[in-house]
Protein backbone atom coordinates (compact mmCIF):
# COMPACT_ATOMS: atom_id res chain seq x y z
CA MET A 1 0.00 0.00 0.00
CA TYR A 2 2.74 2.48 0.99
CA THR A 3 4.84 1.60 -2.04
CA ARG A 4 1.89 1.98 -4.40
CA PHE A 5 1.23 5.43 -2.96
CA ALA A 6 4.94 6.33 -3.26
CA LEU A 7 4.95 5.19 -6.89
CA LEU A 8 1.83 7.19 -7.79
CA PHE A 9 3.17 10.24 -5.97
CA SER A 10 6.46 9.93 -7.87
CA TYR A 11 4.58 9.67 -11.16
CA LEU A 12 2.56 12.77 -10.37
CA PHE A 13 5.57 14.74 -9.19
CA PHE A 14 7.70 13.83 -12.21
CA PHE A 15 4.81 14.64 -14.54
CA LEU A 16 4.27 18.07 -12.98
CA VAL A 17 8.00 18.87 -13.07
CA GLY A 18 8.55 17.62 -16.62
CA VAL A 19 5.36 18.91 -18.23
CA PHE A 20 4.50 22.07 -16.29
CA TYR A 21 7.56 23.29 -14.39
CA TYR A 22 10.23 22.90 -17.06
CA PRO A 23 9.11 21.25 -20.31
CA LYS A 24 12.35 21.17 -22.29
CA TRP A 25 10.51 20.70 -25.58
CA THR A 26 9.33 24.31 -25.30
CA GLN A 27 12.90 25.56 -24.82
CA GLU A 28 15.23 26.63 -27.59
CA LYS A 29 18.81 26.04 -28.66
CA THR A 30 20.98 24.25 -26.09
CA GLU A 31 18.11 24.06 -23.58
CA ALA A 32 15.84 22.11 -25.95
CA THR A 33 15.14 18.40 -25.47
CA ILE A 34 17.28 17.46 -28.47
CA SER A 35 20.43 19.37 -27.66
CA TRP A 36 24.01 18.81 -26.53
CA ASP A 37 24.76 15.07 -26.09
CA ALA A 38 21.13 14.10 -26.65
CA SER A 39 21.30 15.55 -30.16
CA GLY A 40 24.27 13.28 -30.84
CA TYR A 41 22.46 10.18 -29.58
CA TYR A 42 19.46 11.11 -31.70
CA LEU A 43 21.19 12.13 -34.92
CA TYR A 44 21.09 8.62 -36.40
CA LEU A 45 17.31 8.86 -36.82
CA PRO A 46 17.00 11.95 -39.06
CA ALA A 47 20.19 10.91 -40.87
CA PHE A 48 18.73 7.51 -41.77
CA PHE A 49 15.02 8.18 -42.14
CA ILE A 50 14.70 11.79 -43.30
CA TYR A 51 17.87 12.85 -45.11
CA GLU A 52 19.25 9.42 -46.06
CA ASP A 53 22.70 10.86 -45.44
CA VAL A 54 24.60 8.92 -42.80
CA LYS A 55 28.08 9.34 -44.21
CA GLN A 56 28.38 13.09 -44.82
CA LEU A 57 25.60 14.57 -42.64
CA ALA A 58 25.42 17.45 -45.12
CA PHE A 59 22.12 18.58 -43.61
CA MET A 60 23.68 19.44 -40.24
CA PRO A 61 25.02 22.95 -41.00
CA GLU A 62 21.47 24.10 -41.74
CA ILE A 63 20.14 22.35 -38.62
CA LEU A 64 22.85 23.94 -36.47
CA GLU A 65 22.09 27.38 -37.85
CA LYS A 66 18.34 27.03 -37.40
CA TYR A 67 18.04 25.17 -34.08
CA GLN A 68 21.50 25.56 -32.49
CA PRO A 69 21.40 22.33 -30.42
CA THR A 70 25.12 22.83 -29.84
CA PRO A 71 27.31 25.90 -30.40
CA ASP A 72 29.18 24.06 -33.16
CA PHE A 73 29.20 20.65 -34.83
CA GLN A 74 29.93 18.21 -31.98
CA GLN A 75 27.75 15.24 -32.86
CA ALA A 76 30.23 13.57 -35.24
CA TYR A 77 33.80 13.88 -36.42
CA GLN A 78 35.68 13.66 -39.70
CA HIS A 79 37.05 10.14 -40.16
CA GLU A 80 40.16 9.46 -42.24
CA SER A 81 37.89 7.71 -44.74
CA GLY A 82 36.50 11.12 -45.62
CA ASN A 83 33.11 10.39 -44.03
CA LYS A 84 31.58 11.71 -40.85
CA VAL A 85 31.28 9.26 -37.94
CA MET A 86 28.76 9.65 -35.13
CA LYS A 87 30.48 10.23 -31.80
CA TYR A 88 27.89 8.36 -29.74
CA SER A 89 26.63 4.79 -29.93
CA ILE A 90 23.36 3.97 -31.66
CA GLY A 91 21.52 2.38 -28.74
CA GLN A 92 19.76 5.51 -27.53
CA ALA A 93 18.57 6.28 -31.07
CA ILE A 94 17.00 2.81 -31.28
CA GLN A 95 15.12 3.50 -28.06
CA PHE A 96 14.07 6.92 -29.40
CA SER A 97 12.80 5.43 -32.66
CA PRO A 98 9.11 4.77 -31.73
CA PHE A 99 8.71 8.34 -30.49
CA PHE A 100 10.63 9.71 -33.48
CA LEU A 101 8.36 7.88 -35.94
CA ILE A 102 5.22 9.21 -34.21
CA ALA A 103 6.61 12.74 -34.37
CA HIS A 104 7.58 12.32 -38.04
CA LEU A 105 4.06 11.20 -38.94
CA VAL A 106 2.69 14.30 -37.20
CA ALA A 107 5.19 16.62 -38.89
CA ILE A 108 4.66 15.36 -42.46
CA ASN A 109 0.91 15.74 -42.03
CA HIS A 110 1.05 19.15 -40.38
CA SER A 111 1.83 22.28 -42.34
CA THR A 112 2.98 24.24 -39.28
CA TYR A 113 6.02 22.14 -38.42
CA PRO A 114 8.80 21.18 -40.84
CA ALA A 115 9.53 17.45 -41.03
CA ASP A 116 13.22 18.07 -40.45
CA GLY A 117 13.78 15.98 -37.33
CA PHE A 118 14.26 18.91 -34.95
CA SER A 119 11.02 20.88 -34.98
CA TYR A 120 8.51 20.96 -32.13
CA PRO A 121 6.82 17.55 -32.69
CA TYR A 122 10.18 15.78 -32.46
CA GLN A 123 11.20 17.69 -29.34
CA LEU A 124 7.85 16.92 -27.71
CA ALA A 125 7.81 13.24 -28.64
CA ILE A 126 11.35 12.58 -27.42
CA GLY A 127 10.71 14.48 -24.17
CA LEU A 128 7.43 12.71 -23.38
CA GLY A 129 8.89 9.40 -24.49
CA GLY A 130 11.65 9.83 -21.95
CA LEU A 131 9.07 10.51 -19.25
CA LEU A 132 7.26 7.30 -20.16
CA ILE A 133 10.53 5.35 -19.96
CA CYS A 134 11.12 6.88 -16.53
CA PHE A 135 7.70 5.69 -15.34
CA ILE A 136 8.48 2.16 -16.47
CA GLY A 137 11.76 2.26 -14.56
CA LEU A 138 10.12 3.48 -11.36
CA PHE A 139 7.47 0.76 -11.67
CA PHE A 140 10.03 -2.04 -11.89
CA LEU A 141 12.14 -0.49 -9.13
CA SER A 142 9.11 -0.55 -6.82
CA LYS A 143 8.57 -4.25 -7.62
CA ILE A 144 12.22 -5.07 -6.91
CA LEU A 145 12.20 -3.24 -3.59
CA LEU A 146 8.97 -4.93 -2.51
CA TYR A 147 10.41 -8.31 -3.38
CA TYR A 148 13.21 -7.96 -0.81
CA PHE A 149 11.93 -5.46 1.75
CA GLU A 150 8.77 -4.68 3.64
CA ASP A 151 6.29 -2.18 2.29
CA ARG A 152 7.26 0.92 4.27
CA THR A 153 10.98 0.42 3.56
CA ALA A 154 10.34 -0.04 -0.15
CA ALA A 155 8.13 3.05 -0.26
CA LEU A 156 10.60 5.33 1.48
CA THR A 157 13.50 4.06 -0.63
CA LEU A 158 11.54 4.68 -3.82
CA LEU A 159 10.78 8.24 -2.71
CA ILE A 160 14.43 8.85 -1.86
CA ILE A 161 15.58 7.74 -5.32
CA ALA A 162 12.84 9.73 -7.05
CA LEU A 163 12.89 12.96 -5.07
CA ILE A 164 16.23 13.23 -3.27
CA THR A 165 18.70 12.20 -5.99
CA ASN A 166 19.58 13.69 -9.35
CA TYR A 167 17.37 11.06 -10.96
CA LEU A 168 14.69 13.73 -10.56
CA GLU A 169 16.58 15.81 -13.15
CA TYR A 170 17.18 12.98 -15.62
CA GLY A 171 13.83 11.26 -15.18
CA SER A 172 11.57 14.30 -15.45
CA ILE A 173 13.42 17.14 -17.24
CA THR A 174 16.53 16.02 -19.11
CA THR A 175 14.86 12.76 -20.11
CA ALA A 176 16.64 12.37 -23.47
CA MET A 177 19.97 11.56 -21.85
CA THR A 178 21.07 7.91 -21.75
CA HIS A 179 20.98 7.71 -17.96
CA ASN A 180 17.19 7.73 -17.85
CA ASN A 181 16.91 4.87 -20.35
CA LEU A 182 19.69 2.87 -18.72
CA PHE A 183 18.04 3.27 -15.31
CA THR A 184 14.97 1.55 -16.71
CA ILE A 185 16.98 -1.13 -18.52
CA TYR A 186 18.73 -2.00 -15.26
CA THR A 187 15.44 -2.30 -13.36
CA ILE A 188 14.10 -4.70 -15.99
CA LEU A 189 17.37 -6.64 -15.98
CA VAL A 190 17.28 -7.09 -12.20
CA TRP A 191 13.63 -8.13 -12.30
CA LEU A 192 14.35 -10.71 -15.01
CA SER A 193 17.39 -11.99 -13.09
CA ILE A 194 15.30 -12.50 -9.96
CA HIS A 195 12.72 -14.56 -11.83
CA PHE A 196 15.16 -16.41 -14.05
CA TYR A 197 16.61 -18.13 -11.00
CA LYS A 198 13.13 -18.92 -9.73
CA LYS A 199 12.07 -20.41 -13.07
CA PRO A 200 14.65 -20.34 -15.87
CA THR A 201 12.87 -19.96 -19.21
CA PHE A 202 14.00 -19.09 -22.70
CA ALA A 203 11.87 -15.94 -22.63
CA ARG A 204 13.57 -14.65 -19.48
CA ALA A 205 17.01 -15.57 -20.83
CA ALA A 206 16.17 -13.71 -24.03
CA GLY A 207 15.04 -10.70 -22.03
CA ILE A 208 18.30 -10.70 -20.08
CA GLY A 209 20.29 -10.86 -23.32
CA ILE A 210 18.29 -8.01 -24.85
CA CYS A 211 18.75 -5.82 -21.76
CA ILE A 212 22.52 -6.37 -21.64
CA GLY A 213 22.87 -5.85 -25.39
CA LEU A 214 20.78 -2.69 -25.41
CA ALA A 215 22.61 -1.27 -22.38
CA ALA A 216 26.00 -1.88 -24.01
CA LEU A 217 24.76 -0.51 -27.33
CA THR A 218 23.72 2.66 -25.50
CA ARG A 219 26.99 3.03 -23.58
CA PRO A 220 29.65 0.41 -24.33
CA THR A 221 30.93 0.30 -20.74
CA GLU A 222 27.51 -0.95 -19.63
CA ILE A 223 28.56 -4.40 -20.79
CA ILE A 224 29.34 -4.88 -17.10
CA ALA A 225 25.57 -5.32 -16.71
CA CYS A 226 26.28 -9.01 -17.32
CA LEU A 227 27.63 -9.18 -13.75
CA ILE A 228 24.10 -8.83 -12.43
CA PRO A 229 22.51 -11.99 -13.89
CA ILE A 230 25.74 -13.98 -13.50
CA PHE A 231 26.06 -13.42 -9.74
CA TRP A 232 22.48 -12.65 -8.71
CA GLY A 233 21.30 -14.74 -5.81
CA MET A 234 24.75 -16.09 -4.87
CA LYS A 235 24.96 -16.04 -1.08
CA ASN A 236 28.72 -16.58 -0.96
CA TRP A 237 31.65 -17.41 -3.21
CA ARG A 238 31.64 -21.06 -2.18
CA LEU A 239 28.54 -21.42 -4.35
CA LEU A 240 30.45 -20.66 -7.56
CA GLY A 241 30.58 -24.34 -8.39
CA GLU A 242 26.86 -24.66 -7.86
CA ARG A 243 26.24 -21.62 -10.08
CA LEU A 244 28.47 -23.06 -12.79
CA GLN A 245 26.53 -26.30 -12.64
CA PHE A 246 23.30 -24.34 -13.02
CA PHE A 247 24.67 -22.62 -16.12
CA LEU A 248 25.75 -25.94 -17.60
CA SER A 249 22.31 -27.42 -17.07
CA HIS A 250 20.72 -24.41 -18.81
CA TRP A 251 23.43 -23.78 -21.42
CA LYS A 252 20.95 -23.44 -24.26
CA LYS A 253 19.26 -20.55 -22.53
CA LEU A 254 22.62 -18.89 -21.89
CA VAL A 255 23.48 -19.27 -25.57
CA VAL A 256 20.23 -17.54 -26.49
CA ALA A 257 21.03 -14.66 -24.11
CA ALA A 258 24.61 -14.35 -25.38
CA MET A 259 23.55 -14.49 -29.03
CA LEU A 260 20.96 -11.74 -28.54
CA THR A 261 23.51 -9.58 -26.71
CA ALA A 262 26.01 -10.09 -29.54
CA ALA A 263 23.40 -9.52 -32.26
CA ILE A 264 22.37 -6.19 -30.75
CA GLY A 265 26.02 -5.19 -30.35
CA MET A 266 26.63 -5.97 -34.03
CA ILE A 267 24.32 -3.10 -34.99
CA GLN A 268 27.06 -0.66 -34.00
CA LEU A 269 29.69 -2.63 -35.89
CA PHE A 270 27.55 -2.66 -39.04
CA TYR A 271 27.14 1.12 -38.81
CA TRP A 272 30.91 1.65 -38.46
CA LYS A 273 31.58 -0.68 -41.37
CA TYR A 274 29.05 1.12 -43.55
CA ALA A 275 30.28 4.60 -42.60
CA THR A 276 34.04 4.01 -42.65
CA GLY A 277 34.83 0.60 -44.08
CA GLU A 278 36.18 -0.45 -40.66
CA TRP A 279 34.50 -2.78 -38.18
CA ILE A 280 35.84 -1.04 -35.07
CA VAL A 281 36.08 2.75 -34.71
CA TYR A 282 36.98 4.71 -31.58
CA SER A 283 34.70 7.70 -31.97
CA TYR A 284 35.74 9.67 -28.87
CA GLU A 285 39.04 10.74 -30.48
CA ASP A 286 41.34 12.13 -27.76
CA GLN A 287 39.00 11.32 -24.85
CA GLY A 288 39.70 8.15 -22.91
CA PHE A 289 40.28 6.40 -19.59
CA SER A 290 42.98 6.59 -16.93
CA TRP A 291 42.67 3.01 -15.75
CA LEU A 292 45.60 3.19 -13.36
CA ARG A 293 44.69 6.61 -11.94
CA PRO A 294 40.89 6.86 -11.72
CA HIS A 295 39.49 10.18 -10.55
CA PHE A 296 37.75 8.87 -7.41
CA ILE A 297 38.32 11.86 -5.14
CA ASN A 298 37.20 14.42 -7.72
CA GLY A 299 34.33 12.29 -8.99
CA ILE A 300 32.89 11.67 -5.56
CA PHE A 301 33.84 14.70 -3.45
CA SER A 302 34.73 17.66 -5.69
CA PHE A 303 32.57 20.76 -5.80
CA ARG A 304 32.79 20.75 -9.57
CA ALA A 305 30.61 17.67 -9.94
CA GLY A 306 31.21 15.38 -6.96
CA TRP A 307 28.62 12.64 -6.66
CA LEU A 308 28.15 12.88 -2.89
CA VAL A 309 28.40 16.68 -2.89
CA TYR A 310 25.37 17.01 -5.15
CA THR A 311 23.58 13.77 -4.18
CA PRO A 312 24.62 13.34 -0.52
CA VAL A 313 21.73 11.01 0.27
CA MET A 314 23.53 8.25 -1.64
CA SER A 315 26.14 8.09 1.11
CA PHE A 316 23.48 6.08 2.96
CA ALA A 317 23.48 3.61 0.06
CA LEU A 318 27.23 3.08 0.48
CA LEU A 319 26.79 2.58 4.23
CA GLY A 320 23.90 0.25 3.46
CA PHE A 321 26.13 -2.41 1.90
CA TYR A 322 26.99 -3.50 5.43
CA PHE A 323 23.32 -4.00 6.30
CA LEU A 324 22.59 -5.61 2.91
CA TYR A 325 25.28 -8.18 3.66
CA ARG A 326 23.71 -8.93 7.03
CA LYS A 327 20.07 -8.94 5.96
CA VAL A 328 19.83 -9.97 2.28
CA ARG A 329 23.14 -11.69 1.58
CA PRO A 330 21.98 -13.49 -1.62
CA ILE A 331 21.91 -10.16 -3.46
CA PHE A 332 24.87 -8.55 -1.71
CA TRP A 333 27.69 -9.91 -3.86
CA ALA A 334 26.07 -9.13 -7.20
CA SER A 335 25.12 -5.62 -6.02
CA PHE A 336 28.50 -4.89 -4.44
CA LEU A 337 30.59 -6.30 -7.29
CA PHE A 338 28.60 -4.45 -9.94
CA SER A 339 28.66 -1.17 -7.98
CA ALA A 340 32.42 -1.37 -7.35
CA VAL A 341 33.22 -2.05 -11.01
CA PHE A 342 30.71 0.56 -12.16
CA ILE A 343 32.19 3.28 -9.92
CA TYR A 344 35.71 2.38 -11.01
CA ILE A 345 34.85 2.65 -14.72
CA THR A 346 32.77 5.80 -14.25
CA PHE A 347 35.60 7.72 -12.60
CA ALA A 348 38.38 6.28 -14.73
CA TRP A 349 36.95 8.36 -17.58
CA ASP A 350 39.14 11.43 -17.99
CA ILE A 351 36.13 13.74 -18.46
CA TRP A 352 35.07 12.63 -14.99
CA TRP A 353 32.67 15.58 -14.53
CA TYR A 354 30.72 14.47 -17.64
CA GLY A 355 30.15 17.91 -19.07
CA GLY A 356 27.46 20.21 -17.75
CA SER A 357 25.63 17.64 -15.67
CA LEU A 358 23.64 18.09 -12.48
CA GLY A 359 25.90 16.28 -10.06
CA GLN A 360 27.28 12.99 -11.37
CA ARG A 361 24.84 12.06 -14.11
CA ALA A 362 26.87 8.97 -14.99
CA MET A 363 25.91 7.46 -11.62
CA VAL A 364 22.15 7.66 -12.25
CA GLN A 365 21.82 4.36 -14.12
CA ALA A 366 23.42 2.55 -11.17
CA TYR A 367 20.69 3.73 -8.77
CA PRO A 368 18.46 0.66 -9.30
CA ILE A 369 21.31 -1.44 -7.90
CA LEU A 370 22.34 1.07 -5.23
CA ALA A 371 18.69 1.29 -4.14
CA LEU A 372 19.11 -2.15 -2.57
CA PRO A 373 21.81 -1.24 -0.01
CA LEU A 374 19.96 2.05 0.48
CA ALA A 375 16.83 0.09 1.35
CA ALA A 376 18.84 -2.10 3.72
CA PHE A 377 20.02 1.04 5.51
CA VAL A 378 16.46 2.43 5.63
CA ASP A 379 15.22 -0.90 7.00
CA TRP A 380 17.87 -0.76 9.75
CA ILE A 381 17.17 2.86 10.66
CA TRP A 382 13.44 2.12 11.09
CA GLN A 383 14.37 0.05 14.15
CA LYS A 384 16.29 2.91 15.81
CA ARG A 385 13.89 5.18 17.66
CA ILE A 386 16.15 8.24 18.11
CA TRP A 387 18.26 7.83 14.97
CA LYS A 388 15.10 7.35 12.93
CA TYR A 389 13.90 10.90 13.57
CA LEU A 390 17.32 12.35 12.91
CA PHE A 391 17.41 10.42 9.63
CA PHE A 392 14.00 11.78 8.59
CA THR A 393 15.18 15.30 9.37
CA ILE A 394 18.25 14.79 7.21
CA LEU A 395 16.06 13.42 4.40
CA LEU A 396 13.89 16.53 4.48
CA LEU A 397 16.98 18.73 4.32
CA PHE A 398 18.42 16.71 1.42
CA ALA A 399 15.05 16.79 -0.38
CA TYR A 400 14.97 20.57 -0.16
CA TYR A 401 18.59 20.72 -1.33
CA ASN A 402 17.80 18.52 -4.34
CA LEU A 403 14.77 20.61 -5.30
CA TRP A 404 16.81 23.79 -4.88
CA MET A 405 19.55 22.43 -7.13
CA THR A 406 17.10 21.29 -9.80
CA HIS A 407 15.46 24.72 -9.81
CA GLN A 408 18.77 26.58 -9.88
CA ALA A 409 20.07 24.42 -12.73
CA HIS A 410 17.20 25.71 -14.88
CA LYS A 411 14.98 28.63 -13.92
CA GLY A 412 17.02 29.92 -10.99
CA GLY A 413 20.32 30.01 -12.86
CA LEU A 414 22.61 30.00 -9.81
CA LEU A 415 23.82 26.43 -10.30
CA ARG A 416 26.38 26.18 -13.09
CA PRO A 417 26.64 22.43 -13.78
CA GLY A 418 30.16 21.33 -14.67
CA ASP A 419 31.50 24.78 -13.85
CA MET A 420 31.13 24.87 -10.06
CA THR A 421 33.91 25.66 -7.60
CA ARG A 422 34.11 25.33 -3.82
CA ALA A 423 34.06 29.11 -3.35
CA TYR A 424 31.09 29.62 -5.67
CA PHE A 425 29.17 26.69 -4.15
CA TRP A 426 29.38 28.10 -0.65
CA GLY A 427 28.60 31.54 -2.00
CA VAL A 428 25.25 30.47 -3.50
CA VAL A 429 24.03 27.29 -1.79
CA GLY A 430 20.51 27.69 -0.47
CA ARG A 431 20.13 31.20 -1.93
CA TYR A 432 17.80 32.40 -4.66
CA GLU A 433 19.53 35.67 -5.49
CA ILE A 434 23.18 36.72 -5.33
CA GLU A 435 25.27 39.73 -6.21
CA GLU A 436 26.62 39.45 -9.73
CA GLU A 437 30.13 39.84 -8.31
CA LYS A 438 29.88 36.31 -6.90
CA LEU A 439 29.96 34.91 -10.43
CA LYS A 440 33.69 35.60 -10.28
CA LEU A 441 33.93 32.77 -7.75
CA LEU A 442 33.37 30.37 -10.65
CA ASP A 443 36.91 31.27 -11.76
CA THR A 444 38.77 32.65 -8.76
CA LYS A 445 38.88 31.81 -5.05
CA GLU A 446 39.35 35.43 -3.97
CA LEU A 447 36.73 38.15 -3.86
CA PHE A 448 37.41 41.43 -2.10
CA LYS A 449 34.56 42.78 0.02
CA GLY A 450 34.47 46.10 1.74
CA GLU A 451 35.96 49.53 1.19
CA ARG A 452 39.39 49.80 -0.43
CA LYS A 453 41.94 51.90 1.44
CA GLU A 454 45.29 53.41 0.49
CA VAL A 455 44.65 52.80 -3.21
CA LYS A 456 47.70 53.41 -5.38
CA THR A 457 47.83 53.29 -9.19
CA LEU A 458 50.81 51.20 -10.28
CA PHE A 459 50.15 50.96 -14.02
CA LEU A 460 47.89 52.68 -16.56
CA ALA A 461 47.43 51.90 -20.28
CA ASP A 462 45.00 53.91 -22.41
CA PHE A 463 46.35 52.39 -25.67
CA ASN A 464 46.54 55.75 -27.39
CA THR A 465 50.01 54.95 -28.69
CA ILE A 466 49.94 52.50 -31.58
CA THR A 467 52.22 49.48 -31.26
CA SER A 468 52.17 46.10 -32.96
CA ASP A 469 49.68 44.95 -30.35
CA THR A 470 47.21 47.79 -30.61
CA ILE A 471 44.92 48.77 -33.45
CA GLN A 472 42.62 51.66 -34.18
CA LEU A 473 39.07 51.20 -32.96
CA ASN A 474 36.09 52.50 -34.82
CA GLY A 475 33.64 54.85 -33.17
CA ASP A 476 31.27 52.08 -32.14
CA TYR A 477 33.88 50.48 -29.90
CA ALA A 478 36.06 53.39 -28.84
CA GLN A 479 35.94 54.15 -25.15
CA SER A 480 39.02 56.33 -24.86
CA LEU A 481 39.69 57.74 -28.32
CA PRO A 482 41.40 57.19 -30.63
CA TYR A 483 43.00 53.80 -30.00
CA GLY A 484 42.53 50.67 -27.95
CA LEU A 485 43.43 47.01 -27.75
CA GLN A 486 41.72 44.40 -29.87
CA ILE A 487 41.88 40.70 -28.98
CA ASP A 488 40.56 38.25 -31.56
CA TYR A 489 41.21 34.89 -33.18
CA THR A 490 44.52 35.95 -34.74
CA HIS A 491 45.60 38.04 -31.73
CA GLN A 492 44.79 35.67 -28.85
CA PHE A 493 46.96 37.35 -26.19
CA SER A 494 47.46 40.89 -25.08
CA PRO A 495 51.02 41.90 -24.27
CA PRO A 496 51.89 41.37 -20.58
CA PHE A 497 51.29 44.47 -18.46
CA THR A 498 53.95 44.30 -15.78
CA VAL A 499 54.48 45.78 -12.30
CA GLN A 500 57.74 45.09 -10.47
CA ARG A 501 57.69 43.95 -6.85
CA ASN A 502 59.56 47.03 -5.64
CA GLU A 503 56.80 49.25 -7.10
CA ILE A 504 54.19 47.76 -4.76
CA PRO A 505 53.88 49.42 -1.33
CA GLU A 506 54.99 47.19 1.54
CA ASN A 507 51.72 47.67 3.44
CA ALA A 508 49.54 46.73 0.42
CA LYS A 509 47.52 43.51 0.80
CA TRP A 510 45.64 43.31 -2.51
CA LEU A 511 46.13 44.04 -6.20
CA ARG A 512 43.35 44.95 -8.61
CA ALA A 513 43.56 44.81 -12.41
CA SER A 514 40.67 46.59 -14.12
CA ALA A 515 39.81 47.74 -17.62
CA GLN A 516 36.96 48.75 -19.89
CA PHE A 517 35.68 45.90 -22.08
CA VAL A 518 33.19 45.52 -24.93
CA VAL A 519 32.27 42.65 -27.25
CA PRO A 520 30.32 42.98 -30.50
CA TYR A 521 29.01 39.44 -29.90
CA LYS A 522 29.05 37.53 -26.63
CA GLU A 523 30.90 34.21 -26.40
CA TRP A 524 28.58 31.62 -24.83
CA GLU A 525 30.97 28.66 -24.79
CA MET A 526 32.51 28.80 -21.31
CA TRP A 527 35.86 27.32 -22.34
CA GLN A 528 36.29 29.99 -25.02
CA MET A 529 35.41 33.01 -22.90
CA ALA A 530 38.13 35.63 -22.84
CA GLN A 531 40.01 35.81 -19.55
CA LEU A 532 41.46 38.65 -17.50
CA GLN A 533 44.49 37.10 -15.78
CA ILE A 534 46.81 38.22 -13.02
CA GLN A 535 49.99 36.24 -12.27
CA PHE A 536 52.81 36.61 -9.76
CA PHE A 537 56.25 35.47 -10.94
CA LYS A 538 59.56 34.57 -9.33
CA ASP A 539 62.03 34.56 -12.21
CA GLU A 540 60.12 32.58 -14.87
CA LYS A 541 58.01 30.52 -12.48
CA ALA A 542 54.42 31.57 -11.76
CA ILE A 543 53.83 31.19 -8.03
CA LYS A 544 50.20 32.37 -8.10
CA ARG A 545 47.53 32.74 -10.78
CA ARG A 546 44.04 34.20 -10.73
CA LYS A 547 41.56 34.77 -13.57
CA ILE A 548 37.98 35.70 -14.38
CA ARG A 549 36.05 34.92 -17.57
CA LEU A 550 34.93 38.24 -18.97
CA HIS A 551 31.99 37.13 -21.11
CA ARG A 552 30.08 36.09 -17.99
CA PHE A 553 29.47 39.82 -17.39
CA LEU A 554 29.32 41.31 -20.90
CA LYS A 555 26.45 42.05 -23.26
CA ASP A 556 26.68 42.67 -26.97
CA GLY A 557 27.91 46.17 -27.77
CA GLU A 558 27.95 47.53 -24.19
CA TRP A 559 31.14 48.88 -22.60
CA ARG A 560 31.68 47.76 -19.03
CA GLU A 561 34.40 48.10 -16.42
CA LEU A 562 35.47 44.75 -15.01
CA TRP A 563 38.19 43.87 -12.54
CA ILE A 564 39.92 41.02 -10.81
CA ASP A 565 41.29 41.19 -7.27
CA SER A 566 44.07 39.07 -5.84
CA LYS A 567 45.71 38.93 -2.46
CA ILE A 568 49.41 39.67 -2.64
CA PRO A 569 51.13 36.34 -1.91
CA LYS A 570 53.43 35.97 1.08
CA LYS A 571 55.86 33.99 -1.04
CA ASP A 572 58.69 35.96 -2.58
CA PHE A 573 58.02 37.23 -6.11
CA ASP A 574 59.72 39.73 -8.39
CA ARG A 575 56.93 40.90 -10.69
CA VAL A 576 53.21 40.84 -11.47
CA GLU A 577 51.85 40.33 -14.99
CA VAL A 578 48.33 41.10 -16.18
CA ARG A 579 47.11 39.69 -19.49
CA ILE A 580 43.93 39.27 -21.51
CA TRP A 581 43.59 35.91 -23.29
CA ASN A 582 40.89 35.11 -25.82
CA ALA A 583 40.96 31.35 -24.99
CA GLY A 584 40.66 30.27 -28.61
CA SER A 585 37.43 32.14 -29.28
CA PRO A 586 36.78 33.54 -32.77
CA LYS A 587 34.82 36.40 -31.17
CA GLN A 588 36.42 39.84 -30.79
CA ILE A 589 36.86 41.64 -27.48
CA PHE A 590 38.01 45.25 -27.19
CA VAL A 591 39.92 46.60 -24.19
CA ASP A 592 40.65 50.13 -23.03
CA ASP A 593 41.92 52.03 -20.00
CA LEU A 594 43.64 49.16 -18.20
CA VAL A 595 44.69 49.97 -14.63
CA ILE A 596 46.66 48.01 -12.02
CA GLU A 597 46.25 49.20 -8.42
CA SER A 598 47.37 48.16 -4.96
CA PHE A 599 45.24 48.67 -1.85
CA ARG A 600 44.44 47.54 1.66
């Protein structure tokens, strides 16, 4: 009864969030349903069924210009064969296909929307399809939890996963990402594994093979899903011989499962062969794994995208492995082994923050497995009268925190997924409005507050003397006529503006570098935003660096004074250098009236 209520409540909450609070299919550009990575997963479908152009993707420049799902072409890369190769695996596109076909039928029979694969019907269908997949996953998760735990424990665990983890984001809003689909695949896989060992049938073996194959076709590393059916129900390692005997007695069913897994995996190989002439293609180019030096500390605890920083409630799941071992040992080893291998692979990936994700999105698909030790912990805490109430209080706090984060990642705007820092996190957590100055904490740890005293100008450049690094500005971008500094694609760096150590007063505690800036067109790609840098040097070694990204504060065509403050280091240094760097951006930025000051 409790679990049924929890499931229905989760359905209602996810529906309200996804359809009324933040329907991504009504958003544009990089906030649309089919944008960023999701547009790469999806691209197979219009390429095959609308444009019949899988090798060159010649239709994409027009799509990028019209819909701007990404700032530039990121969905595929130029292969040495001369053809374009999709970056992402085809599995997600296969799961999208029923919703894509419905949308395409609507578009070709509706004069309002172009049947181009990216107009409103496609965005809507993929978004709602993802919500439906989420509902299926929650349904099977509720059945799994009820199978092993009593009703109230299963209900509370389901609510924790749904409302207090970042599954809320990927199950209700950003539903087109692979994590939502994989979450559901894992719930079905666990359910089939449970019942296969109760009554091994060819149908259940086939279902297991399809789940593993589809998971691996969606994200190749998910091939580790095979650990779940192999070890499910094993109480201890002494039963390996018994499990092997079971497999031998049902070898035909295992062959069916393995053949289906392989057949589904071959879909990707056939695509690569068709597109490039090669059976195996590594489509992630220079991105890869550090198997011997996985990024555990950053991936779990960093403020940039640490799993337990942004989903702290899952720390109870890790603690719960102890109670799972004590209470439900037959599922402990499969759950623990899978989780350990999954976490290792997830954080061995060099892009361990996984782009602009809310917390660690790559952990979401493991939640159906981690829900089991979480439930074991919940079951234990129910028995503790005092600790139980403290636990409920913590859950309410974490629930509020998760809702705050979800809001700030979208409408609130304070959360900057993938771009967070410790200083910025503590500057905004729990707030709904901040001073714009705090945005600098995304790039620097130091922010001066208060009234400056004993200000002394150490350097001034108005750029009115032409050198090889300065050019004439036209009237639209001249702040201090007639000349100024232009930074662009061919002039990426300003000259260094230098102050010697002996020019800085002994009692000064801070330095400020400020200037007037204007951009004709704002740079939206964070990694290409021009930077104002201040560096302290001893000989040729930089002993301290600080920077801010200027485009965070600039609007098209508007001059604005911006500055960066830095504490003067206690370490010995001989000079300070201030520079402007364009960070590889093709956009222009104009600079005038640069000043370096010391103060207390």
